[in-house]
Protein backbone atom coordinates (compact mmCIF):
# COMPACT_ATOMS: atom_id res chain seq x y z
CA MET A 1 -90.47 161.79 -153.30
CA ALA A 2 -92.92 160.81 -150.64
CA ILE A 3 -93.28 157.44 -152.31
CA GLY A 4 -89.55 156.90 -152.14
CA VAL A 5 -89.53 157.81 -148.48
CA VAL A 6 -92.37 155.42 -147.83
CA ALA A 7 -90.64 152.69 -149.77
CA GLY A 8 -87.44 153.25 -147.84
CA ILE A 9 -89.31 153.12 -144.56
CA VAL A 10 -91.01 149.89 -145.61
CA LEU A 11 -87.74 148.32 -146.62
CA ALA A 12 -86.11 149.41 -143.40
CA ALA A 13 -89.01 147.99 -141.46
CA LEU A 14 -88.77 144.69 -143.34
CA GLY A 15 -85.05 144.55 -142.73
CA ALA A 16 -85.53 145.30 -139.08
CA ALA A 17 -88.25 142.63 -138.88
CA VAL A 18 -85.99 140.02 -140.54
CA GLY A 19 -83.13 140.87 -138.28
CA LEU A 20 -85.37 140.75 -135.22
CA PHE A 21 -86.80 137.38 -136.35
CA LYS A 22 -83.37 135.92 -136.85
CA LEU A 23 -82.40 137.21 -133.44
CA MET A 24 -85.46 135.69 -131.81
CA TRP A 25 -85.63 132.33 -133.74
CA ARG A 26 -83.59 129.47 -132.35
CA VAL A 27 -83.32 125.93 -133.78
CA ALA A 28 -82.28 122.84 -131.77
CA GLU A 29 -79.78 120.50 -133.45
CA PRO A 30 -80.49 116.72 -133.55
CA ASN A 31 -77.84 116.01 -130.84
CA GLU A 32 -78.79 118.78 -128.47
CA ALA A 33 -81.68 120.15 -126.44
CA LEU A 34 -82.56 123.87 -125.95
CA VAL A 35 -83.32 124.83 -122.38
CA ILE A 36 -85.23 128.17 -122.41
CA SER A 37 -85.74 129.92 -119.11
CA GLY A 38 -87.16 133.35 -118.12
CA SER A 39 -90.87 132.71 -118.42
CA THR A 40 -93.40 130.44 -116.85
CA HIS A 41 -93.97 127.32 -118.92
CA ARG A 42 -95.69 124.09 -118.15
CA THR A 43 -93.87 121.08 -119.55
CA GLU A 44 -95.72 117.78 -119.73
CA GLY A 45 -94.35 115.29 -117.25
CA VAL A 46 -92.31 117.92 -115.47
CA GLY A 47 -93.43 119.34 -112.15
CA GLU A 48 -95.09 122.77 -112.00
CA GLY A 49 -93.04 125.80 -111.38
CA MET A 50 -90.10 124.52 -113.36
CA GLY A 51 -89.67 127.91 -114.95
CA PHE A 52 -87.95 126.63 -118.15
CA ARG A 53 -88.91 125.11 -121.45
CA ILE A 54 -87.16 122.23 -123.33
CA VAL A 55 -87.06 122.19 -127.14
CA THR A 56 -85.53 119.30 -129.13
CA GLY A 57 -85.35 118.80 -132.88
CA ARG A 58 -87.25 121.98 -133.87
CA GLY A 59 -87.16 125.83 -133.81
CA THR A 60 -88.75 128.26 -131.36
CA LEU A 61 -89.01 132.02 -130.72
CA VAL A 62 -87.04 133.43 -127.88
CA LEU A 63 -87.49 136.93 -126.56
CA PRO A 64 -84.10 138.54 -126.22
CA GLY A 65 -83.51 140.11 -122.86
CA VAL A 66 -86.53 138.29 -121.45
CA GLN A 67 -85.65 134.64 -121.98
CA ALA A 68 -82.26 132.84 -121.79
CA VAL A 69 -81.40 129.93 -124.14
CA ARG A 70 -78.78 127.31 -123.24
CA LYS A 71 -77.86 124.05 -124.94
CA LEU A 72 -77.56 120.58 -123.40
CA SER A 73 -75.58 118.05 -125.43
CA LEU A 74 -77.22 114.73 -126.11
CA ASP A 75 -73.99 113.13 -127.41
CA LEU A 76 -72.49 109.89 -126.07
CA ASN A 77 -69.96 110.11 -123.27
CA GLU A 78 -67.66 107.53 -121.76
CA THR A 79 -65.69 107.04 -118.59
CA GLN A 80 -62.93 104.58 -117.85
CA LEU A 81 -63.35 102.44 -114.76
CA SER A 82 -60.36 101.37 -112.65
CA VAL A 83 -61.71 100.28 -109.26
CA ASP A 84 -59.82 98.52 -106.44
CA CYS A 85 -62.15 95.91 -104.93
CA VAL A 86 -62.04 93.12 -102.39
CA THR A 87 -63.89 89.88 -103.05
CA HIS A 88 -65.97 87.82 -100.68
CA GLN A 89 -62.82 85.73 -100.05
CA GLY A 90 -60.85 88.86 -99.03
CA ILE A 91 -58.69 88.79 -102.16
CA PRO A 92 -57.89 92.27 -103.48
CA LEU A 93 -58.58 92.79 -107.20
CA ARG A 94 -58.56 95.67 -109.60
CA VAL A 95 -61.48 95.79 -112.01
CA LYS A 96 -61.05 97.73 -115.23
CA GLY A 97 -63.80 98.57 -117.67
CA VAL A 98 -65.62 101.30 -119.57
CA VAL A 99 -69.06 102.90 -119.25
CA ILE A 100 -70.71 104.53 -122.26
CA PHE A 101 -73.62 106.81 -121.30
CA LYS A 102 -75.69 109.78 -122.50
CA VAL A 103 -78.53 112.08 -121.49
CA GLY A 104 -81.89 110.38 -121.90
CA ASP A 105 -84.06 111.42 -124.88
CA ASP A 106 -87.22 111.99 -122.84
CA LEU A 107 -88.02 115.43 -121.39
CA ILE A 108 -87.78 114.23 -117.77
CA SER A 109 -84.24 112.89 -118.29
CA ILE A 110 -83.27 116.11 -120.14
CA ALA A 111 -84.75 118.21 -117.29
CA ASN A 112 -82.92 116.16 -114.62
CA ALA A 113 -79.63 116.39 -116.54
CA ALA A 114 -80.15 120.12 -117.15
CA ARG A 115 -80.63 120.78 -113.45
CA ARG A 116 -77.42 118.84 -112.55
CA PHE A 117 -75.04 119.27 -115.47
CA LEU A 118 -76.19 122.24 -117.60
CA ASP A 119 -73.16 124.31 -116.64
CA GLN A 120 -70.97 121.32 -115.68
CA GLN A 121 -71.34 118.93 -118.62
CA LYS A 122 -67.59 118.15 -118.52
CA MET A 123 -68.05 116.75 -115.02
CA MET A 124 -70.42 114.02 -116.19
CA PRO A 125 -67.71 111.28 -116.64
CA GLU A 126 -66.29 111.90 -113.19
CA ARG A 127 -69.69 111.79 -111.57
CA VAL A 128 -70.59 108.61 -113.40
CA HIS A 129 -67.24 107.02 -112.42
CA ILE A 130 -67.95 107.77 -108.75
CA VAL A 131 -71.40 106.20 -108.98
CA PHE A 132 -70.17 103.03 -110.74
CA ALA A 133 -67.08 102.66 -108.53
CA GLY A 134 -69.17 102.59 -105.38
CA HIS A 135 -71.67 100.07 -106.70
CA LEU A 136 -68.94 97.93 -108.27
CA ARG A 137 -67.07 97.62 -104.95
CA SER A 138 -70.29 96.64 -103.26
CA ILE A 139 -71.09 93.97 -105.85
CA VAL A 140 -67.55 92.53 -105.99
CA GLY A 141 -67.56 92.24 -102.21
CA GLY A 142 -70.40 89.73 -102.46
CA LEU A 143 -68.75 87.57 -105.16
CA THR A 144 -65.84 85.16 -105.27
CA VAL A 145 -63.00 85.28 -107.75
CA GLU A 146 -64.29 82.11 -109.38
CA ASP A 147 -67.73 83.71 -109.85
CA MET A 148 -66.23 86.78 -111.43
CA ILE A 149 -64.06 84.73 -113.81
CA ARG A 150 -66.70 82.22 -114.79
CA ASP A 151 -69.67 84.61 -115.10
CA ARG A 152 -68.51 88.07 -116.00
CA GLU A 153 -71.92 88.91 -117.43
CA LYS A 154 -73.43 88.48 -113.99
CA LEU A 155 -71.05 91.12 -112.60
CA THR A 156 -71.94 93.50 -115.45
CA GLY A 157 -75.67 92.98 -115.08
CA GLN A 158 -75.70 93.49 -111.32
CA THR A 159 -73.64 96.65 -111.67
CA ARG A 160 -76.03 98.15 -114.25
CA MET A 161 -79.04 97.28 -112.15
CA ALA A 162 -77.49 98.79 -109.04
CA CYS A 163 -76.61 102.04 -110.82
CA GLY A 164 -79.85 102.29 -112.78
CA THR A 165 -81.82 104.30 -110.20
CA GLU A 166 -79.06 106.80 -109.52
CA MET A 167 -78.36 107.21 -113.24
CA GLU A 168 -82.04 107.86 -113.83
CA LYS A 169 -82.02 110.59 -111.17
CA LEU A 170 -79.07 112.14 -112.96
CA GLY A 171 -81.01 112.00 -116.23
CA LEU A 172 -78.50 109.64 -117.76
CA ILE A 173 -78.87 106.25 -119.37
CA VAL A 174 -76.12 103.60 -119.79
CA ASP A 175 -75.67 102.44 -123.36
CA SER A 176 -72.88 99.96 -122.57
CA LEU A 177 -70.92 98.64 -119.61
CA GLN A 178 -67.89 96.40 -120.34
CA ILE A 179 -65.52 94.79 -117.82
CA HIS A 180 -62.23 94.60 -119.70
CA GLU A 181 -59.82 93.16 -117.21
CA ILE A 182 -59.55 91.83 -113.66
CA GLU A 183 -56.09 92.33 -112.23
CA ASP A 184 -54.86 90.08 -109.46
CA PRO A 185 -51.91 91.58 -107.52
CA THR A 186 -51.66 88.54 -105.23
CA GLY A 187 -51.47 85.94 -108.03
CA TYR A 188 -54.57 84.10 -106.88
CA ILE A 189 -56.02 83.85 -110.33
CA LYS A 190 -52.69 82.64 -111.69
CA ASN A 191 -52.42 80.00 -108.98
CA LEU A 192 -56.03 79.09 -109.56
CA ALA A 193 -55.28 78.55 -113.19
CA MET A 194 -52.12 76.52 -112.62
CA PRO A 195 -53.82 73.10 -112.18
CA HIS A 196 -55.88 73.71 -115.23
CA ALA A 197 -52.86 75.04 -117.05
CA ALA A 198 -50.90 71.95 -115.99
CA ALA A 199 -53.73 69.73 -117.15
CA VAL A 200 -53.92 71.65 -120.36
CA GLN A 201 -50.15 71.43 -120.74
CA ARG A 202 -50.31 67.72 -119.98
CA ASP A 203 -53.09 67.22 -122.50
CA ALA A 204 -51.13 69.35 -124.94
CA ARG A 205 -48.01 67.22 -124.46
CA ILE A 206 -50.08 64.04 -124.78
CA ALA A 207 -51.76 65.42 -127.86
CA GLN A 208 -48.37 66.47 -129.22
CA ALA A 209 -46.91 63.04 -128.50
CA GLU A 210 -49.92 61.39 -130.12
CA ALA A 211 -49.61 63.73 -133.05
CA ASN A 212 -45.88 62.92 -133.27
CA ARG A 213 -46.65 59.21 -133.11
CA LEU A 214 -49.29 59.51 -135.81
CA ALA A 215 -46.95 61.67 -137.84
CA THR A 216 -44.14 59.11 -137.42
CA GLU A 217 -46.48 56.28 -138.39
CA ALA A 218 -47.68 58.30 -141.35
CA GLU A 219 -44.08 59.09 -142.32
CA GLN A 220 -43.09 55.43 -141.97
CA ALA A 221 -46.13 54.36 -143.97
CA ALA A 222 -45.30 56.99 -146.56
CA SER A 223 -41.66 55.81 -146.59
CA ALA A 224 -42.85 52.22 -147.00
CA ARG A 225 -45.14 53.26 -149.83
CA MET A 226 -42.29 55.24 -151.38
CA ALA A 227 -39.98 52.21 -151.06
CA GLU A 228 -42.69 50.00 -152.53
CA ALA A 229 -43.25 52.46 -155.36
CA THR A 230 -39.48 52.68 -155.89
CA ARG A 231 -39.25 48.88 -155.95
CA ASP A 232 -42.14 48.60 -158.42
CA SER A 233 -40.60 51.35 -160.49
CA GLU A 234 -37.20 49.65 -160.49
CA ILE A 235 -38.82 46.30 -161.37
CA LEU A 236 -40.70 47.94 -164.22
CA GLN A 237 -37.56 49.76 -165.32
CA ALA A 238 -35.61 46.49 -165.18
CA GLY A 239 -38.31 44.80 -167.25
CA TYR A 240 -38.30 47.64 -169.74
CA GLN A 241 -34.47 47.56 -169.82
CA ALA A 242 -34.55 43.80 -170.44
CA GLU A 243 -37.01 44.31 -173.27
CA ARG A 244 -34.82 47.08 -174.67
CA ASP A 245 -31.71 44.87 -174.35
CA LYS A 246 -33.54 41.99 -176.00
CA ALA A 247 -34.70 44.26 -178.81
CA ALA A 248 -31.17 45.64 -179.16
CA ALA A 249 -29.69 42.10 -179.21
CA THR A 250 -32.31 41.06 -181.75
CA ALA A 251 -31.47 44.11 -183.82
CA ARG A 252 -27.75 43.35 -183.53
CA GLN A 253 -28.36 39.72 -184.50
CA ALA A 254 -30.68 40.64 -187.33
CA GLY A 255 -27.73 41.56 -189.57
CA PRO A 256 -25.72 38.34 -189.02
CA LEU A 257 -28.90 36.24 -189.16
CA SER A 258 -29.93 37.91 -192.40
CA GLU A 259 -26.42 37.45 -193.78
CA ALA A 260 -26.39 33.78 -192.71
CA ALA A 261 -29.85 33.27 -194.21
CA ALA A 262 -28.64 34.95 -197.39
CA ARG A 263 -25.52 32.75 -197.46
CA GLN A 264 -27.68 29.70 -196.83
CA GLU A 265 -29.96 30.70 -199.66
CA VAL A 266 -26.90 31.26 -201.86
CA VAL A 267 -25.57 27.80 -200.94
CA VAL A 268 -28.97 26.27 -201.66
CA GLN A 269 -29.12 28.02 -205.00
CA GLU A 270 -25.54 27.05 -205.80
CA THR A 271 -26.37 23.44 -204.88
CA ARG A 272 -29.37 23.55 -207.17
CA VAL A 273 -27.24 25.07 -209.91
CA ALA A 274 -24.61 22.34 -209.39
CA GLU A 275 -27.29 19.68 -209.57
CA LEU A 276 -28.73 21.23 -212.69
CA GLU A 277 -25.20 21.51 -214.14
CA ALA A 278 -24.49 17.83 -213.36
CA HIS A 279 -27.81 16.87 -214.88
CA ARG A 280 -27.00 18.98 -217.91
CA ARG A 281 -23.61 17.39 -218.21
CA GLU A 282 -25.18 13.95 -217.90
CA GLN A 283 -27.65 14.79 -220.63
CA GLN A 284 -24.85 16.27 -222.68
CA LEU A 285 -22.82 13.08 -222.17
CA GLN A 286 -25.83 11.02 -223.17
CA ALA A 287 -26.24 13.10 -226.31
CA ASP A 288 -22.53 13.42 -227.18
CA VAL A 289 -21.15 10.00 -226.19
CA ARG A 290 -23.72 7.35 -225.45
CA LYS A 291 -26.05 7.91 -228.36
CA PRO A 292 -23.27 8.06 -231.00
CA ALA A 293 -21.63 4.99 -229.41
CA ASP A 294 -24.98 3.17 -229.39
CA ALA A 295 -25.47 4.12 -233.04
CA ALA A 296 -21.97 2.99 -234.00
CA ALA A 297 -22.32 -0.27 -232.07
CA TYR A 298 -25.75 -0.86 -233.58
CA GLU A 299 -24.35 -0.20 -237.04
CA THR A 300 -21.41 -2.53 -236.46
CA ARG A 301 -23.65 -5.23 -235.02
CA THR A 302 -26.13 -4.87 -237.87
CA ARG A 303 -23.40 -5.12 -240.51
CA ALA A 304 -21.84 -8.13 -238.83
CA GLU A 305 -25.20 -9.86 -238.59
CA ALA A 306 -25.90 -9.03 -242.22
CA ASP A 307 -22.54 -10.42 -243.35
CA ARG A 308 -23.06 -13.51 -241.23
CA ASP A 309 -26.56 -14.07 -242.61
CA ALA A 310 -25.26 -13.56 -246.15
CA ARG A 311 -22.47 -16.08 -245.69
CA ILE A 312 -24.82 -18.56 -244.06
CA SER A 313 -27.25 -18.16 -246.92
CA ALA A 314 -24.45 -18.60 -249.47
CA ALA A 315 -23.14 -21.68 -247.66
CA GLN A 316 -26.58 -23.14 -247.42
CA ALA A 317 -27.19 -22.44 -251.08
CA LYS A 318 -23.86 -23.94 -252.02
CA ALA A 319 -24.52 -26.98 -249.88
CA LYS A 320 -27.91 -27.33 -251.44
CA GLU A 321 -26.39 -27.09 -254.85
CA THR A 322 -23.79 -29.68 -253.91
CA GLU A 323 -26.43 -31.94 -252.50
CA LEU A 324 -28.52 -31.62 -255.61
CA ALA A 325 -25.53 -32.33 -257.76
CA ALA A 326 -24.61 -35.37 -255.68
CA ALA A 327 -28.11 -36.62 -255.74
CA ALA A 328 -28.34 -36.26 -259.46
CA GLU A 329 -25.02 -37.97 -259.93
CA ALA A 330 -25.97 -40.82 -257.58
CA ALA A 331 -29.25 -41.32 -259.31
CA ALA A 332 -27.50 -41.67 -262.57
CA THR A 333 -24.57 -43.92 -261.69
CA ARG A 334 -25.42 -45.75 -258.49
CA ALA A 335 -28.17 -47.58 -257.08
CA THR A 336 -30.50 -46.53 -254.43
CA GLY A 337 -28.06 -47.45 -251.66
CA GLU A 338 -25.30 -45.47 -253.14
CA ALA A 339 -27.67 -42.61 -253.61
CA GLU A 340 -28.54 -42.72 -249.91
CA ALA A 341 -24.87 -42.87 -248.97
CA SER A 342 -24.11 -40.03 -251.26
CA ALA A 343 -26.99 -38.12 -249.80
CA THR A 344 -25.73 -38.76 -246.30
CA GLN A 345 -22.28 -37.66 -247.26
CA ALA A 346 -23.71 -34.59 -248.98
CA ARG A 347 -25.64 -33.66 -245.84
CA GLY A 348 -22.52 -33.99 -243.75
CA LEU A 349 -20.63 -31.84 -246.15
CA ALA A 350 -23.44 -29.33 -246.15
CA GLU A 351 -23.43 -29.16 -242.38
CA ALA A 352 -19.69 -28.74 -242.36
CA GLU A 353 -19.95 -25.97 -244.83
CA ALA A 354 -22.68 -24.32 -242.76
CA ALA A 355 -20.58 -24.60 -239.64
CA LYS A 356 -17.66 -23.19 -241.48
CA ALA A 357 -19.78 -20.32 -242.78
CA ARG A 358 -21.03 -19.53 -239.29
CA GLY A 359 -17.51 -19.59 -237.91
CA LEU A 360 -16.39 -17.28 -240.65
CA ALA A 361 -19.29 -14.91 -239.91
CA GLU A 362 -18.47 -14.82 -236.22
CA ALA A 363 -14.82 -14.30 -236.96
CA GLU A 364 -15.74 -11.42 -239.21
CA ALA A 365 -17.89 -9.93 -236.49
CA LEU A 366 -15.11 -10.20 -233.95
CA LYS A 367 -12.71 -8.78 -236.44
CA ALA A 368 -15.08 -5.89 -237.09
CA ARG A 369 -15.44 -5.26 -233.36
CA ALA A 370 -11.70 -5.41 -232.87
CA ALA A 371 -11.27 -2.99 -235.73
CA ALA A 372 -13.88 -0.68 -234.24
CA LEU A 373 -12.14 -0.96 -230.86
CA ALA A 374 -8.82 -0.12 -232.43
CA GLU A 375 -10.26 2.83 -234.30
CA ASN A 376 -12.43 4.36 -231.49
CA GLN A 377 -11.63 2.67 -228.21
CA GLU A 378 -13.22 5.49 -226.14
CA ALA A 379 -16.56 5.24 -227.92
CA VAL A 380 -16.72 1.48 -227.40
CA VAL A 381 -15.72 1.87 -223.76
CA ALA A 382 -18.33 4.60 -223.33
CA GLN A 383 -20.94 2.32 -224.86
CA GLN A 384 -20.02 -0.54 -222.53
CA LEU A 385 -19.95 1.82 -219.53
CA ALA A 386 -23.30 3.32 -220.47
CA GLU A 387 -24.78 -0.15 -220.71
CA ASN A 388 -23.30 -1.18 -217.31
CA TRP A 389 -23.39 2.23 -215.54
CA PRO A 390 -26.05 1.27 -212.93
CA ALA A 391 -23.93 -1.71 -211.85
CA ILE A 392 -20.81 0.46 -211.66
CA VAL A 393 -22.56 3.11 -209.51
CA GLU A 394 -24.05 0.39 -207.32
CA ALA A 395 -20.57 -1.11 -206.81
CA GLY A 396 -19.16 2.35 -205.95
CA ALA A 397 -21.97 3.02 -203.43
CA GLY A 398 -21.45 -0.38 -201.81
CA ALA A 399 -18.73 1.14 -199.63
CA PHE A 400 -21.40 3.18 -197.82
CA GLY A 401 -23.85 0.31 -197.36
CA SER A 402 -22.90 -0.36 -193.72
CA VAL A 403 -22.95 3.31 -192.70
CA GLU A 404 -25.99 4.17 -190.47
CA HIS A 405 -25.36 7.89 -190.00
CA MET A 406 -23.26 10.15 -192.12
CA VAL A 407 -22.25 13.72 -191.19
CA LEU A 408 -21.52 15.99 -194.13
CA LEU A 409 -19.30 18.99 -193.46
CA ASN A 410 -19.01 22.17 -195.51
CA GLY A 411 -22.58 21.89 -196.85
CA ALA A 412 -22.74 21.46 -200.61
CA GLU A 413 -18.94 21.10 -200.89
CA GLY A 414 -19.02 18.06 -198.60
CA MET A 415 -21.82 16.54 -200.67
CA SER A 416 -19.82 17.12 -203.88
CA GLU A 417 -16.69 15.52 -202.36
CA MET A 418 -18.67 12.44 -201.31
CA PHE A 419 -20.16 12.05 -204.80
CA ALA A 420 -16.68 12.54 -206.32
CA LYS A 421 -15.24 9.72 -204.15
CA ALA A 422 -18.09 7.41 -205.12
CA LEU A 423 -17.59 8.25 -208.79
CA THR A 424 -13.81 7.74 -208.36
CA MET A 425 -14.46 4.25 -207.09
CA GLY A 426 -16.62 3.72 -210.14
CA GLY A 427 -13.82 5.21 -212.25
CA THR A 428 -11.51 2.42 -211.08
CA GLY A 429 -13.87 -0.03 -212.74
CA LEU A 430 -13.71 2.18 -215.84
CA GLY A 431 -9.88 1.76 -215.99
CA VAL A 432 -10.14 -2.02 -215.62
CA ALA A 433 -12.73 -2.15 -218.41
CA ARG A 434 -10.49 -0.14 -220.67
CA GLN A 435 -7.54 -2.49 -220.00
CA LEU A 436 -9.65 -5.55 -220.73
CA LEU A 437 -10.89 -4.08 -224.00
CA ALA A 438 -7.34 -3.11 -224.99
CA SER A 439 -6.05 -6.64 -224.31
CA MET A 440 -8.92 -8.07 -226.31
CA ALA A 441 -8.00 -5.86 -229.22
CA GLN A 442 -4.33 -6.98 -229.07
CA THR A 443 -5.03 -10.74 -228.76
CA ALA A 444 -7.84 -10.99 -231.33
CA PRO A 445 -7.52 -14.45 -233.17
CA ALA A 446 -7.31 -14.98 -236.90
CA ALA A 447 -10.38 -15.49 -239.03
CA GLY A 448 -12.01 -18.86 -238.48
CA ALA A 449 -10.56 -19.41 -234.93
CA GLU A 450 -12.49 -19.04 -231.72
CA PRO A 451 -11.39 -15.87 -229.84
CA LYS A 452 -10.40 -16.30 -226.13
CA VAL A 453 -10.42 -13.93 -223.19
CA ASN A 454 -8.25 -14.99 -220.23
CA GLY A 455 -8.20 -18.53 -221.67
CA ARG A 456 -12.00 -18.78 -221.95
CA ILE A 457 -14.16 -18.94 -225.07
CA PRO A 458 -16.82 -16.16 -224.84
CA ILE A 459 -20.44 -17.03 -225.33
CA ARG A 460 -21.62 -16.22 -228.82
CA GLU A 461 -24.52 -13.93 -229.42
CA GLU A 462 -27.10 -15.58 -231.74
């Protein structure tokens, strides 16, 4: 039981000690300073007999009831400046700005600020405004409006320098001083700026006019380039259209041209076929008419010549026999003179007989030809025409001998018509030949007489 009492006492003592320590231990925040008064302390840099202690950024023991602890804020503060001033030229201005300040971090500044503002920290901005307003009026009074406008940093620097000593006595430091605006109730600054504004406006108008001119030139150049491009495009399009039209016309003409070429080829082939057909007919005529007529004429001529030769041989033999008989008879009955006379007479008789035999042979030949003409007049005519065909064609073509240029119409048909006319002219000769042969057949003389044609005796063929 005694142990429990002792333990309880110890615990109570510990609890009382912890509570007393917490009551006595104070810690300074980073943005504040503890000012401890109630005992004699010597602070470095601070005059003797201050009677208070400054603690920043750490903890310290404070005796309750013996020492008093108060806090001094080290935060930033600001005050708005709005000061009516008069310049060196006597022109009233209103200067507006802002001052950002705080309590200095060193112990001397904290001590000075604690002595002046420890219980009146809310009065700091007002006090600072009063200090800066007085110095600002003094500085502006020595400057001109032009100086303030052109060199505002000079005004700010002089103001900070002028207030520096007083701010240091108050334990304050200025972090920033900015002059925001300078108001001119009289319009001096505005009038001062008017020449420059006019010059700027003039330069602006000139620049605008120059820009407009350049823009107009650029637009005109662009329009010219567009027109040039449009012209080139239209020229190219016209060229392409012409090529397309030419191709279309060629395509449209391809059909008629192909058809005309085909017709021309057909005409050429038909002409060749006609030529081949004419040649075939000519060969057929040669085989069917001329060759049989030549064979028949050759046969007739051969037979006539054979008959003539046979009769001549018989006459000559008979004359020879007569001559021999006469010679034998003369030798027997007459003298040499009579024999010669008989021989002469026998030769004359023999010649007469030979002439008679030849005349008979020729008459037989003519009779055979007349008979052949009566039996197959066309064959004989064909034979005669075949033998004289070149002369007939030459006579028919003589009508074109004086023609230098000849124009044939209708192609192959025109050529065929021309050949037909030439052959018709030759056919006229064919009709005349047929009439002559027919008249010869009708007026053929009797055997032994000389045949006549148109009153003339034809030349004999030996």
